[in-house]
Amino acid sequence: MSDYVIVGAGTAGCVLAAGLSASGAEVTLLESGPPDRRPEVRIPAAFPRLFGTEYDWAHTTEPQPGLGGRSLFWPRGRTLGGSSSINAQIWTQGHPDDYDDWATPGWSAKEVAPCFERAAMNLESLRTPHPSTIDFLDACELAGLTPLVAGEGCAPVTVTQKRGRRWSSADAYLRPAGSRPNLKVITGADVRRIDLADGRAVGVEYGDGYVPARREVIVAAGAVGSPVLLLRSGIGDPAENEGVVVALPEVGRNLLDHLMVPLVFGPGPAAARVRATSNNAEALAFLRSAPEVSAPDLEFLWMPVPFLDHGRAESGLGSTLAVVLLRPRSSGRITLTAGEPRIDPGYLTDPADLRPLLAGVRRAHGLLTRLTDWVGEPLTPAARTTSAEAVRESAETLYHPVGTCRMGPVVDERLRVRGVRDLRVADVSVCPAIPRAHTQAAAVMIGERAVDLILKEPR
């Protein structure tokens, strides 16, 4: 028996395991995937080689009417460190309004700032940025964008690396805690369900094993895995799921993600390869689609590589300028089919989302006229034209799903699942709205905040 059983050794789960075990509590951490031993985990530019492997859940969405009926590939980390072990390592905290807009006690920008500040993730600038990255930032400034301050403006990326190698949540939190006798980490543990008895979470069933929880079960399986586990355990909408014992109809709803429109090009006259320490996405800009917009609603992401098929295509030299919708109004949901996730992000189901994306693509084309040394033949529809059809044909996920166990209808402000004692969710699935940021930093912040909340709980 453990005091705390944590499901998911991902970005937030590693933070939880380290923080709770540091208090002296007995902690068991369950991870479905294998240990993070493959060399590609350490090499920043190699992360696309992990997509579709045993280190990746390799989800596929339902066909998306807003994207011409296409189903999208959704990689999610399935190893120690979770998606922080297979991502592009970008660290952005978002705009201050992101957290104030959650309107949830304890989660304002001021209240979560200490959690960002004490994050153990090692943050660096890229060691050998591509020469085109400097030209991109110069082009941004010539176009009127200011240096990045408080979630607005342009900048080279800050990455979670240490001396040019990936620094995942497992590196930052789990390994320093690994020698503690009160922390047990079990990999290859496919969790089936949470054991509920008399309205309380009492343990977790996985594979052929079972771990009872003396104090709490904490679900940190991500925006897909966390609602799936609640649904499998009888927590959800009784109108849609058999065997529901705790009625929480909003489990799996409010699925939000950043939609990316990649403008991909072949090599220009000054083409050069990236180094292995590159994260493939070397600079960014947060900007407003129109003067009347109160805060950034778009991101430009500069990649000195032709990012086709999620970086898996052997397409040689080139470049990508991705246009990202930061605050989508469209939302989707996750449901179960035969116990497995059915993912419907609902991309562009709200017509209001198309306007800022089109504005962003037009502005990106204008910016590219200053980067002719690096831009060759257009390789995606949105690289050729700024039409709505091209946007729908080109759009892909930026790998930032959140919101499916959100604070309010599913968990309270202390992340406790409503209607069940001693059960919490602590990952980006609890976000009421999606931050204007790459969500790795938010996941770490939520893990840090959850440790605070749990350790202050009266016993």
Protein backbone atom coordinates (compact mmCIF):
# COMPACT_ATOMS: atom_id res chain seq x y z
CA MET A 1 0.00 0.00 0.00
CA SER A 2 1.14 3.53 -0.80
CA ASP A 3 0.01 6.84 0.59
CA TYR A 4 -0.33 8.21 -2.94
CA VAL A 5 -0.78 6.35 -6.20
CA ILE A 6 -0.04 8.50 -9.25
CA VAL A 7 -1.23 7.39 -12.68
CA GLY A 8 1.04 8.72 -15.41
CA ALA A 9 4.76 9.55 -15.26
CA GLY A 10 4.36 12.38 -17.75
CA THR A 11 5.26 16.05 -17.49
CA ALA A 12 3.07 16.71 -14.43
CA GLY A 13 3.25 13.20 -12.99
CA CYS A 14 7.02 13.38 -12.48
CA VAL A 15 6.60 16.69 -10.63
CA LEU A 16 4.00 15.09 -8.36
CA ALA A 17 6.10 12.01 -7.64
CA ALA A 18 9.13 14.07 -6.68
CA GLY A 19 7.23 16.59 -4.57
CA LEU A 20 5.10 14.12 -2.65
CA SER A 21 7.93 11.66 -2.01
CA ALA A 22 10.08 14.53 -0.70
CA SER A 23 7.53 14.92 2.11
CA GLY A 24 8.29 11.39 3.31
CA ALA A 25 5.04 9.91 1.99
CA GLU A 26 5.00 6.50 0.31
CA VAL A 27 4.43 7.08 -3.41
CA THR A 28 3.83 4.65 -6.28
CA LEU A 29 4.09 6.07 -9.81
CA LEU A 30 2.55 4.03 -12.62
CA GLU A 31 3.58 4.56 -16.25
CA SER A 32 2.11 2.66 -19.18
CA GLY A 33 5.13 3.09 -21.41
CA PRO A 34 8.76 1.92 -21.19
CA PRO A 35 11.70 3.72 -19.52
CA ASP A 36 13.07 6.68 -21.50
CA ARG A 37 16.22 4.93 -22.72
CA ARG A 38 16.22 5.43 -26.49
CA PRO A 39 18.97 7.80 -27.65
CA GLU A 40 16.46 9.89 -29.63
CA VAL A 41 15.00 11.06 -26.31
CA ARG A 42 18.25 12.89 -25.57
CA ILE A 43 18.89 14.34 -29.07
CA PRO A 44 16.76 17.48 -29.45
CA ALA A 45 16.33 17.35 -33.24
CA ALA A 46 15.48 13.64 -33.22
CA PHE A 47 12.09 13.82 -31.50
CA PRO A 48 10.05 13.07 -34.69
CA ARG A 49 11.74 9.66 -34.84
CA LEU A 50 9.92 8.75 -31.62
CA PHE A 51 6.49 9.36 -33.16
CA GLY A 52 4.67 6.12 -33.83
CA THR A 53 7.04 4.06 -31.65
CA GLU A 54 6.39 2.42 -28.29
CA TYR A 55 7.21 5.82 -26.76
CA ASP A 56 4.12 7.35 -28.35
CA TRP A 57 0.39 6.73 -27.86
CA ALA A 58 0.09 7.60 -31.57
CA HIS A 59 -3.57 8.60 -31.42
CA THR A 60 -5.68 9.43 -34.47
CA THR A 61 -8.60 11.82 -34.35
CA GLU A 62 -12.03 11.31 -35.81
CA PRO A 63 -12.46 12.77 -39.31
CA GLN A 64 -12.73 16.55 -38.97
CA PRO A 65 -15.40 18.24 -41.12
CA GLY A 66 -13.69 21.59 -40.56
CA LEU A 67 -10.49 20.20 -42.10
CA GLY A 68 -12.02 18.65 -45.19
CA GLY A 69 -12.79 15.34 -43.47
CA ARG A 70 -9.19 14.57 -42.59
CA SER A 71 -8.21 12.54 -39.51
CA LEU A 72 -5.14 13.93 -37.77
CA PHE A 73 -2.23 12.08 -36.18
CA TRP A 74 -1.92 12.99 -32.49
CA PRO A 75 1.38 11.90 -30.91
CA ARG A 76 1.43 11.88 -27.09
CA GLY A 77 4.32 10.79 -24.88
CA ARG A 78 4.22 7.25 -23.49
CA THR A 79 7.40 6.95 -21.41
CA LEU A 80 8.97 8.49 -18.34
CA GLY A 81 8.60 12.23 -18.81
CA GLY A 82 5.59 11.77 -21.08
CA SER A 83 5.33 14.36 -23.82
CA SER A 84 8.26 16.30 -22.33
CA SER A 85 10.38 13.37 -23.59
CA ILE A 86 9.14 13.52 -27.20
CA ASN A 87 8.29 17.21 -27.72
CA ALA A 88 10.10 20.20 -29.25
CA GLN A 89 11.22 21.36 -25.76
CA ILE A 90 9.75 24.89 -26.03
CA TRP A 91 9.13 26.71 -22.74
CA THR A 92 6.62 29.57 -22.76
CA GLN A 93 4.42 30.52 -19.82
CA GLY A 94 1.72 32.39 -21.72
CA HIS A 95 0.02 35.72 -21.28
CA PRO A 96 -0.94 36.90 -17.74
CA ASP A 97 -4.59 37.08 -18.82
CA ASP A 98 -4.55 33.33 -19.49
CA TYR A 99 -4.65 32.43 -15.81
CA ASP A 100 -6.66 35.42 -14.60
CA ASP A 101 -9.33 34.46 -17.14
CA TRP A 102 -9.68 31.06 -15.49
CA ALA A 103 -11.50 32.95 -12.71
CA THR A 104 -10.68 30.13 -10.29
CA PRO A 105 -9.56 30.79 -6.70
CA GLY A 106 -5.87 30.06 -6.28
CA TRP A 107 -5.09 30.04 -10.00
CA SER A 108 -4.60 33.70 -10.94
CA ALA A 109 -1.42 34.76 -12.73
CA LYS A 110 -0.06 36.14 -9.47
CA GLU A 111 -0.88 32.97 -7.52
CA VAL A 112 0.64 30.54 -10.02
CA ALA A 113 3.78 32.63 -10.65
CA PRO A 114 5.75 30.99 -7.79
CA CYS A 115 5.06 27.57 -9.31
CA PHE A 116 6.59 28.65 -12.61
CA GLU A 117 9.53 30.25 -10.80
CA ARG A 118 10.52 27.15 -8.85
CA ALA A 119 10.17 24.76 -11.78
CA ALA A 120 13.21 22.48 -11.89
CA MET A 121 13.26 22.31 -15.68
CA ASN A 122 16.62 23.45 -17.00
CA LEU A 123 16.06 26.33 -19.43
CA GLU A 124 18.56 27.33 -22.11
CA SER A 125 18.86 29.16 -25.38
CA LEU A 126 19.73 27.01 -28.38
CA ARG A 127 23.46 26.36 -28.54
CA THR A 128 23.77 26.59 -32.34
CA PRO A 129 20.77 28.40 -33.82
CA HIS A 130 20.32 28.19 -37.57
CA PRO A 131 21.36 31.35 -39.47
CA SER A 132 17.82 31.74 -40.83
CA THR A 133 16.51 32.14 -37.29
CA ILE A 134 18.26 35.48 -36.87
CA ASP A 135 16.87 36.60 -40.23
CA PHE A 136 13.36 35.59 -39.16
CA LEU A 137 13.59 37.66 -35.98
CA ASP A 138 14.95 40.62 -37.94
CA ALA A 139 12.01 40.28 -40.34
CA CYS A 140 9.58 40.24 -37.42
CA GLU A 141 11.02 43.46 -36.02
CA LEU A 142 10.95 45.13 -39.43
CA ALA A 143 7.28 44.13 -39.62
CA GLY A 144 6.62 45.99 -36.38
CA LEU A 145 6.80 43.20 -33.81
CA THR A 146 8.57 44.03 -30.55
CA PRO A 147 10.85 41.75 -28.50
CA LEU A 148 8.90 39.25 -26.40
CA VAL A 149 7.56 40.66 -23.12
CA ALA A 150 4.69 39.25 -21.02
CA GLY A 151 3.50 36.87 -23.70
CA GLU A 152 3.59 39.25 -26.68
CA GLY A 153 6.31 39.86 -29.26
CA CYS A 154 9.05 37.82 -30.93
CA ALA A 155 12.06 35.92 -29.60
CA PRO A 156 14.33 32.94 -30.10
CA VAL A 157 12.90 29.95 -28.28
CA THR A 158 13.81 29.03 -24.73
CA VAL A 159 14.17 25.27 -24.54
CA THR A 160 14.21 22.59 -21.85
CA GLN A 161 17.75 21.43 -22.54
CA LYS A 162 20.93 20.97 -20.56
CA ARG A 163 24.22 21.42 -22.38
CA GLY A 164 22.48 20.77 -25.69
CA ARG A 165 20.58 17.63 -24.62
CA ARG A 166 16.89 17.30 -23.86
CA TRP A 167 15.95 17.93 -20.23
CA SER A 168 12.57 16.29 -19.65
CA SER A 169 10.38 16.28 -16.57
CA ALA A 170 11.84 12.86 -15.81
CA ASP A 171 15.34 14.36 -15.86
CA ALA A 172 14.35 17.39 -13.79
CA TYR A 173 12.19 15.71 -11.16
CA LEU A 174 12.11 11.92 -11.27
CA ARG A 175 15.80 11.06 -11.44
CA PRO A 176 16.82 13.24 -8.47
CA ALA A 177 14.07 11.52 -6.47
CA GLY A 178 14.77 8.04 -7.80
CA SER A 179 16.95 6.86 -4.89
CA ARG A 180 14.28 7.53 -2.28
CA PRO A 181 13.10 4.25 -0.74
CA ASN A 182 9.57 5.65 -0.39
CA LEU A 183 9.18 6.18 -4.17
CA LYS A 184 8.35 3.21 -6.39
CA VAL A 185 8.20 3.66 -10.17
CA ILE A 186 6.53 0.94 -12.24
CA THR A 187 6.81 1.15 -16.05
CA GLY A 188 4.83 -0.99 -18.48
CA ALA A 189 1.83 -0.58 -16.18
CA ASP A 190 -1.30 -0.30 -18.31
CA VAL A 191 -3.84 1.10 -15.88
CA ARG A 192 -7.33 -0.31 -16.37
CA ARG A 193 -9.38 1.53 -13.81
CA ILE A 194 -9.52 3.33 -10.48
CA ASP A 195 -11.02 1.22 -7.73
CA LEU A 196 -13.89 3.06 -6.06
CA ALA A 197 -15.51 1.94 -2.81
CA ASP A 198 -18.12 3.81 -0.76
CA GLY A 199 -17.54 7.00 -2.72
CA ARG A 200 -13.74 6.92 -2.27
CA ALA A 201 -10.80 6.10 -4.55
CA VAL A 202 -9.07 3.22 -2.79
CA GLY A 203 -6.60 1.93 -5.37
CA VAL A 204 -5.62 1.41 -8.98
CA GLU A 205 -5.83 -1.71 -11.14
CA TYR A 206 -3.15 -2.13 -13.81
CA GLY A 207 -2.16 -5.10 -15.95
CA ASP A 208 -2.05 -8.01 -13.51
CA GLY A 209 -1.40 -5.75 -10.54
CA TYR A 210 -3.18 -3.64 -7.99
CA VAL A 211 -1.92 -0.80 -5.80
CA PRO A 212 -4.07 0.31 -2.85
CA ALA A 213 -3.97 3.97 -1.85
CA ARG A 214 -3.90 4.95 1.81
CA ARG A 215 -4.51 8.65 1.13
CA GLU A 216 -5.20 9.49 -2.51
CA VAL A 217 -5.19 8.41 -6.12
CA ILE A 218 -3.89 11.17 -8.41
CA VAL A 219 -4.53 10.97 -12.15
CA ALA A 220 -1.90 12.67 -14.30
CA ALA A 221 -2.40 10.87 -17.59
CA GLY A 222 -2.89 13.94 -19.76
CA ALA A 223 -5.74 15.49 -21.70
CA VAL A 224 -6.53 12.16 -23.39
CA GLY A 225 -5.59 9.60 -20.76
CA SER A 226 -7.11 11.29 -17.70
CA PRO A 227 -10.72 11.52 -18.95
CA VAL A 228 -10.41 8.04 -20.44
CA LEU A 229 -9.43 6.63 -17.05
CA LEU A 230 -12.27 8.42 -15.29
CA LEU A 231 -14.75 7.11 -17.85
CA ARG A 232 -13.42 3.55 -17.55
CA SER A 233 -13.81 3.83 -13.77
CA GLY A 234 -17.48 4.79 -13.93
CA ILE A 235 -17.11 8.57 -13.68
CA GLY A 236 -18.86 10.37 -16.52
CA ASP A 237 -22.14 11.00 -18.27
CA PRO A 238 -24.72 8.33 -17.35
CA ALA A 239 -26.70 9.18 -20.47
CA GLU A 240 -23.79 8.04 -22.67
CA ASN A 241 -21.85 5.49 -20.63
CA GLU A 242 -22.86 2.24 -19.01
CA GLY A 243 -21.86 1.51 -15.45
CA VAL A 244 -21.54 5.13 -14.33
CA VAL A 245 -21.39 5.36 -10.54
CA VAL A 246 -20.48 9.07 -10.32
CA ALA A 247 -22.38 11.36 -12.65
CA LEU A 248 -20.03 13.99 -14.10
CA PRO A 249 -21.33 14.70 -17.62
CA GLU A 250 -18.49 17.10 -18.46
CA VAL A 251 -15.72 14.47 -18.26
CA GLY A 252 -14.08 14.43 -21.69
CA ARG A 253 -15.75 17.62 -22.90
CA ASN A 254 -14.11 21.04 -23.49
CA LEU A 255 -11.26 19.49 -25.50
CA LEU A 256 -9.16 22.40 -26.73
CA ASP A 257 -6.02 22.36 -28.87
CA HIS A 258 -3.80 24.75 -30.79
CA LEU A 259 -4.37 24.34 -34.51
CA MET A 260 -1.28 24.96 -36.65
CA VAL A 261 -1.23 25.91 -40.34
CA PRO A 262 2.27 25.08 -41.64
CA LEU A 263 3.62 27.03 -44.60
CA VAL A 264 6.32 24.61 -45.74
CA PHE A 265 8.94 25.35 -48.39
CA GLY A 266 11.79 23.61 -50.09
CA PRO A 267 15.31 25.01 -49.84
CA GLY A 268 16.10 28.57 -50.78
CA PRO A 269 19.44 29.75 -52.20
CA ALA A 270 21.09 29.91 -48.76
CA ALA A 271 19.86 26.51 -47.50
CA ALA A 272 21.75 24.91 -44.61
CA ARG A 273 21.07 21.98 -42.32
CA VAL A 274 20.17 22.29 -38.64
CA ARG A 275 22.44 20.89 -35.94
CA ALA A 276 21.41 17.96 -33.74
CA THR A 277 20.99 20.34 -30.79
CA SER A 278 18.27 22.22 -32.65
CA ASN A 279 14.71 21.58 -31.52
CA ASN A 280 13.55 22.13 -35.15
CA ALA A 281 11.41 25.14 -34.07
CA GLU A 282 13.87 27.88 -33.27
CA ALA A 283 11.97 31.17 -32.98
CA LEU A 284 8.46 32.39 -32.31
CA ALA A 285 6.26 35.45 -32.23
CA PHE A 286 3.00 36.04 -30.36
CA LEU A 287 0.87 38.63 -32.12
CA ARG A 288 -2.65 39.97 -32.58
CA SER A 289 -4.68 39.20 -35.68
CA ALA A 290 -6.26 42.67 -35.64
CA PRO A 291 -5.69 45.96 -33.77
CA GLU A 292 -8.92 45.61 -31.82
CA VAL A 293 -7.90 42.23 -30.34
CA SER A 294 -6.97 42.74 -26.67
CA ALA A 295 -4.19 40.14 -26.43
CA PRO A 296 -2.25 37.86 -28.80
CA ASP A 297 -4.43 35.34 -30.58
CA LEU A 298 -1.82 34.08 -33.06
CA GLU A 299 1.67 32.62 -32.93
CA PHE A 300 4.27 32.41 -35.68
CA LEU A 301 6.68 29.50 -35.27
CA TRP A 302 9.84 29.49 -37.39
CA MET A 303 11.37 26.12 -38.27
CA PRO A 304 14.54 25.95 -40.38
CA VAL A 305 13.37 22.52 -41.60
CA PRO A 306 10.56 21.46 -43.93
CA PHE A 307 8.20 20.12 -41.25
CA LEU A 308 6.16 17.62 -43.27
CA ASP A 309 4.33 14.60 -41.83
CA HIS A 310 5.14 15.78 -38.29
CA GLY A 311 8.82 15.96 -39.12
CA ARG A 312 8.97 12.34 -40.22
CA ALA A 313 9.22 12.95 -43.97
CA GLU A 314 12.66 12.64 -45.53
CA SER A 315 12.35 15.89 -47.45
CA GLY A 316 15.84 17.35 -47.18
CA LEU A 317 16.48 21.05 -46.75
CA GLY A 318 13.82 23.72 -46.44
CA SER A 319 11.86 25.83 -43.97
CA THR A 320 8.48 26.17 -42.29
CA LEU A 321 6.58 29.14 -40.96
CA ALA A 322 3.65 27.85 -38.90
CA VAL A 323 0.64 30.00 -38.06
CA VAL A 324 -0.96 28.93 -34.78
CA LEU A 325 -4.43 29.79 -33.45
CA LEU A 326 -3.82 30.51 -29.76
CA ARG A 327 -7.34 30.91 -28.37
CA PRO A 328 -9.72 28.68 -30.36
CA ARG A 329 -13.44 29.01 -29.81
CA SER A 330 -13.98 25.57 -31.29
CA SER A 331 -13.89 22.69 -28.84
CA GLY A 332 -14.33 18.96 -28.99
CA ARG A 333 -14.54 15.97 -26.73
CA ILE A 334 -13.13 12.58 -25.84
CA THR A 335 -15.45 9.61 -25.46
CA LEU A 336 -14.99 5.87 -25.19
CA THR A 337 -15.56 3.23 -27.83
CA ALA A 338 -14.96 -0.32 -26.58
CA GLY A 339 -12.89 1.16 -23.77
CA GLU A 340 -10.57 3.10 -26.08
CA PRO A 341 -10.47 6.87 -26.66
CA ARG A 342 -12.45 8.42 -29.48
CA ILE A 343 -10.91 11.84 -30.08
CA ASP A 344 -12.93 14.57 -31.77
CA PRO A 345 -11.18 17.96 -31.39
CA GLY A 346 -13.91 19.78 -33.32
CA TYR A 347 -11.39 21.90 -35.22
CA LEU A 348 -12.91 24.98 -36.91
CA THR A 349 -16.45 24.04 -35.92
CA ASP A 350 -16.84 27.62 -34.73
CA PRO A 351 -16.68 29.82 -37.85
CA ALA A 352 -15.09 32.62 -35.80
CA ASP A 353 -11.81 30.66 -35.67
CA LEU A 354 -11.20 30.93 -39.40
CA ARG A 355 -10.91 34.75 -39.47
CA PRO A 356 -7.76 35.07 -37.30
CA LEU A 357 -6.14 32.08 -38.99
CA LEU A 358 -6.65 33.60 -42.43
CA ALA A 359 -5.33 36.93 -41.18
CA GLY A 360 -2.29 35.15 -39.78
CA VAL A 361 -1.59 33.26 -43.00
CA ARG A 362 -1.80 36.49 -45.01
CA ARG A 363 0.57 38.23 -42.62
CA ALA A 364 2.94 35.25 -42.70
CA HIS A 365 3.11 35.45 -46.49
CA GLY A 366 4.04 39.10 -46.18
CA LEU A 367 6.77 38.29 -43.68
CA LEU A 368 8.21 35.62 -45.95
CA THR A 369 9.01 38.22 -48.62
CA ARG A 370 11.86 39.27 -46.28
CA LEU A 371 13.19 35.68 -46.08
CA THR A 372 13.75 34.80 -49.73
CA ASP A 373 17.23 33.38 -49.00
CA TRP A 374 15.57 30.58 -47.03
CA VAL A 375 12.29 30.03 -48.87
CA GLY A 376 12.07 27.87 -51.97
CA GLU A 377 9.30 25.91 -53.65
CA PRO A 378 6.00 25.85 -51.68
CA LEU A 379 5.20 22.34 -50.42
CA THR A 380 1.85 22.76 -48.62
CA PRO A 381 -1.40 24.35 -49.82
CA ALA A 382 -1.14 27.25 -47.37
CA ALA A 383 2.38 27.96 -48.62
CA ARG A 384 0.94 28.49 -52.10
CA THR A 385 -2.19 30.49 -51.34
CA THR A 386 -3.98 32.25 -48.50
CA SER A 387 -7.41 30.79 -49.19
CA ALA A 388 -9.69 29.23 -46.56
CA GLU A 389 -9.54 25.95 -48.47
CA ALA A 390 -5.74 25.94 -48.24
CA VAL A 391 -5.93 26.54 -44.49
CA ARG A 392 -8.32 23.60 -44.05
CA GLU A 393 -6.14 21.34 -46.22
CA SER A 394 -2.90 22.24 -44.42
CA ALA A 395 -3.88 22.49 -40.73
CA GLU A 396 -2.39 20.12 -38.15
CA THR A 397 -2.24 19.86 -34.37
CA LEU A 398 0.49 21.69 -32.46
CA TYR A 399 0.26 18.90 -29.84
CA HIS A 400 -1.34 20.97 -27.05
CA PRO A 401 -4.64 19.31 -26.02
CA VAL A 402 -6.08 20.51 -22.71
CA GLY A 403 -9.33 20.98 -20.83
CA THR A 404 -11.05 17.58 -20.69
CA CYS A 405 -11.26 17.39 -16.85
CA ARG A 406 -11.51 21.10 -16.32
CA MET A 407 -11.72 22.96 -13.07
CA GLY A 408 -15.32 23.83 -12.34
CA PRO A 409 -17.58 21.03 -13.56
CA VAL A 410 -15.13 18.09 -13.18
CA VAL A 411 -12.60 19.04 -10.49
CA ASP A 412 -12.70 21.79 -7.89
CA GLU A 413 -10.04 24.48 -7.37
CA ARG A 414 -8.02 21.98 -5.31
CA LEU A 415 -8.15 19.53 -8.24
CA ARG A 416 -10.40 17.09 -6.35
CA VAL A 417 -12.78 15.12 -8.55
CA ARG A 418 -16.30 16.10 -7.67
CA GLY A 419 -18.37 13.37 -6.06
CA VAL A 420 -15.39 11.13 -5.20
CA ARG A 421 -13.25 11.37 -2.10
CA ASP A 422 -9.45 11.07 -2.30
CA LEU A 423 -9.27 11.35 -6.07
CA ARG A 424 -7.61 14.22 -7.96
CA VAL A 425 -6.60 15.07 -11.49
CA ALA A 426 -3.39 17.07 -11.91
CA ASP A 427 -2.32 17.75 -15.50
CA VAL A 428 -3.32 20.07 -18.35
CA SER A 429 -6.70 18.38 -18.62
CA VAL A 430 -7.79 20.59 -15.68
CA CYS A 431 -7.24 23.85 -17.63
CA PRO A 432 -10.56 25.71 -18.02
CA ALA A 433 -9.14 27.45 -21.11
CA ILE A 434 -6.04 26.90 -23.21
CA PRO A 435 -3.03 29.12 -22.44
CA ARG A 436 -1.51 31.27 -25.18
CA ALA A 437 1.63 29.17 -24.90
CA HIS A 438 3.24 25.82 -25.54
CA THR A 439 1.70 23.80 -22.74
CA GLN A 440 4.79 22.12 -21.27
CA ALA A 441 5.31 24.98 -18.79
CA ALA A 442 1.65 24.93 -17.75
CA ALA A 443 1.87 21.17 -17.10
CA VAL A 444 4.87 21.64 -14.80
CA MET A 445 3.13 24.54 -13.04
CA ILE A 446 0.01 22.44 -12.44
CA GLY A 447 2.15 19.64 -11.01
CA GLU A 448 3.90 22.08 -8.66
CA ARG A 449 0.60 23.65 -7.61
CA ALA A 450 -0.94 20.22 -7.01
CA VAL A 451 1.90 19.25 -4.66
CA ASP A 452 1.24 22.41 -2.64
CA LEU A 453 -2.48 21.70 -2.45
CA ILE A 454 -2.09 18.05 -1.51
CA LEU A 455 0.50 18.60 1.21
CA LYS A 456 -1.64 21.31 2.80
CA GLU A 457 -4.68 19.03 2.89
CA PRO A 458 -5.72 18.24 6.46
CA ARG A 459 -5.19 14.59 7.42
